[in-house]
Amino acid sequence: MFCNFFSNITPNPTIMKKILTLLLFVSSASFLHSETFEMKSPDGKLCVEFSLTDGKANYRVSYDGIQALESSPLGFVSNICDYSTGLEYLSKEESTIDERYELDRIKREFNHYVANSTKINLKTRDDHRFSIVFQLSNNDIAFRYEIASTHGSASIRIMEEKTGFSFPGGTTTFLTPQSDAMTGWMRTKPSYEEEYVLDSPMSTRSKYGHGYTFPCLFKVGEGKAWVLVSETGVDSRYCGSHLSDCEGAGSYHICFPMAEENNGNGSVEPGIALPCVTPWRTLTVGSSLAPIVETTIPFDVVKPRYESEHKYEYGKGTWSWIVWQDNSINYNDQVRYINLAKSMGFKYVLIDNYWDKNIGKENMERLVSFARSQGVDVFLWYSSSGYWNDITQGPTNLMDNSIIRKEWMRWMERIGVKGIKVDFFGGDKQETMRLYEEILSDADDHGLMVIFHGCTLPRGWERMYPNYVGSEAVLASENMVFQQHFCDMESQNASLHPFVRNTVGCMEFGGCFMNRRLSKGNASGSVRRSTDCMELATTILFQNPIQNFALAPENIAPVSEGGAPEESMNFLKEVPTTWEDTRFIDGYPGKYIVLARKHHSNWYIAGVNGTGSPLKLTLDLSRFIKRGDKVRVYTDNMRDQDPDYDRSKTISKPESFSVTMDKDGGFVIVN
């Protein structure tokens, strides 16, 4: 009837123009409809405000009334269409998640994840459908995009993410820069091995101009709130991402890898089959640092990618390369390190690069047989490849080819090798993520655990892959051997990593030196500044289910002959590497840290002082120690690097326990 009415009227250009303008206004008004609502955590303290205005989606975050993130953009751009503008709200779906799971390789074995989930359904102006899913648990936010099959397309390329994080003015940062690609040792960067800049104002440019690697820590409102930003659930179907440089007033966004990474091999933008989901972006928010240190969000929101028929065992290992370096990769020196592992009661020995040349495949079979006769199992080193960097340390060109890789893994299974350490990846492209996943999957088929070095950050991999052990992705112990500067910075870095790198995944640091000089014979090389107590404390602070400690055969000699103190070595014999619980006690990133980890019925409490001066603390330990408990205490003696040891100290006031840590010192309490 409406059409018939207009068909009977002689068109008047002026009237028709006004009618068309009115129709466009009505259409535009409908399109520009604003939708705003709040999502809250189960305890109501963590709040996300979602808004859709002028066709663009944004979110804001507050915690207990404190603004943690200002309005920040959501969405992405694909080869199909722009999923960040021209958006229309369709509906939302709300649900509750209540899940328990066990994971013996992270900071807490028994986990209970309770979250409120909101799925926000949207469409683009071209009627392409997608959703933004938010999951809010107490102190943690995880969100991702879910993309539907659309208009007959079976795949999609994500060209750019608009996902952003806009912090209030006055926020300070604890960040490490993304390095230039194809630089560093044999052109292997980026490898997540840059120094952190602590408590720094938000700036417009990182050291290299490529943004910052995850995880990223922010102090908001002069310490009224803390925010940790990272990602999880990255597998072969996406690339690893990082944060951009600061853009204007405290804004950052998700960045994809640089084209130059991996010698230019591989794509920058991820390609995915539809329907699909993107990785989770995560934020941990709290009014103290406890939620940052204790978070399990990287594992809460992911699922196992495959089941294993193997039962993997964790523990401690010896590692000749870290102190005795390349020349130690020979048959006789490895026998000495196997004997060291046996004498310490360690489960493993890690045999590093050049074993293919200096020991050989046939002799390695004899060496593995000897190790197993001594009750010690073997991890072997491999390069990830040979064509995307200039690494010549062997074995090379074995792990990047599925046919060759499986042949070598069958050989290792046959002779009894229990794990591999794969090194020198140098990139975050989707193809590289696929290689990590393929190595893990193939290794599990042959009962092999996997350690990664020279590599990216793990992103929920402890739960996703049952044979994954840990990754370096940090300026680890080897740098202390290479440069005195890193020995000088050891206590500051040990005070930092529980707040950043180790919050989101296992950290293969390879530390705990007992040598005073970091070289074979303990007579030359870099000088260790730390006390023994600080080194012992790192065995608790640095979480990784297999700890390859930086011990050397000279450490088990009598003290009169240059060996390490008996109390220190005895502690290393019994300290565990897996934990049922982790609790933050006190600290500040890069200054000092005190935390407790539980193993069976025992609490291990460790502290490190990175302030540069002696530090006295009064701590409330009443959650872990009762009045009258007798505990073992290792403290700095304030005279030299050796520890003071009390095997049966009675605690009279656990709520006000006083301890003094020396410069570059620490302490350990075992209850």
Foldseek 3Di string as FASTA:
>chain_A
DVVVVVVPDDDDVVVVVVVVVVVVVVVQCQLQDKDWDWDAAPVRFWIKIWMQGQFAIWIWIGGNNHGFFDTAGFFFQWPVGGGGGQKDWDDKDKDWDWDWAAFFFAFAGTDTDIWIKMWTWMAHPVGFIKTWIWTDHVQKIKIWIWGADPPPDFKMWGPTTRTKTAGAPPKFWWFFAQADAQDDDQRQDPLLAGHTDPRHGQDQADPHQAATAFFIWMQHPVLQKIKTKAWFDDFLQFWHWHWGRQDPRRMIGIAWWDCPWLNNPADRIGMHTPRDMDTIIMMGMDRHLFSLLFPPVLQPPDAAQDDFPDDDAFWEEAECCLQANDVCLALVSVVLRLVVCLVLVTAEYEREWPNCPRQNDVNVLVSQVVSVVSNHAYEYEAECAPRRGPDPTDDHHQLQDLVSVLVVLQVCLVSGHQAYEYERQHIGHSSSSHSVVSSLVSNSVSNYAYEYESHGAHRNVSRHGVRYWYYASYNASSVVQVDLVCLLLVLLVLQACSSTRSSGTAHQRQELEQQQARHPPSPDTHGHPAFNQLSLLSLVSHATRYHHHHYHSQQPDPVVSPHGDPVSSNSSSPDHRTFNHKTFWDHDRSAKGWIWTHDDLKIKIKMTGRNQAKDKDWTQQVVHDDQQAFKWKWACPQPDRYTDIDHTDGHHHNGTDMGIAGHNGMMIIMD
